């Protein structure tokens, strides 16, 4: 994602906002900051070489705070207040999601072309948007992907599908299902997983060390039938690590 994109996506506001205490960001202000923070997270996920340590990540976050003329303390205090008033925060988050989806839909949900990147020890190859919302009203809850690099991925590559998930209640009878597949010619490796609780989730699939990888594909979906509010997945990434990569050991 281009760095200038961080500064181009705060335009629309929330209507009919309820008042908040002094010192807390209004719903409109919170929406704009959260939107830019999500873009910052996407930038970090898509360019891990640039943002490889905490100092660089913090500098990016500080640029968001400067843009909105707030401090980290004000942002953190607002997060705490909204966390205690979840209904209001969900209203803000829904507006953020709808607005960003509208912008992406206007561009078309086109999977990016993967150029291989076989020489790099690690690279995020996730081809879709970095967030996903599951709603009981949606005709289809989930997304599919298919990655066919111009140059086959090296043998032995490890793929780690990661995401931050929240909104999964104990009352759910069905859970979001993950399927990750690696095509190595005459062999296809498949792993299945489910999102059963809130928090950071990783699904890992190691390829065979003697065969090059022609494509990587899969899906995440939730079958309809349960009654729930909404489930959110964000900071979605699909990291490819070279065989015996040091970076993968750190990610485990």
Foldseek 3Di string as FASTA:
>chain_A
DDPCVLVVQQDDFDPPWDDDDPLADTLRLLLRLVLSVQVLLVVCQQCVVQVVDPVSSVVSSVVSCVVSVHDPVSNVVNVVVCVVVVVNVVVSVVVSVVSVVVVDVVVPQDFDAAAAPQVDQKGWRDRGAFKAKDALPDPWGKDKDKYFHPDFHAAFKKKKKKKFKDFADPPDPWFKKKKKWWDQDVDIDIDIDTDRHGGMDIDMDTGHNPTTTGMMIIMITIDHDDDGGMMMIGSITMMIGDHVRPVVVVVD
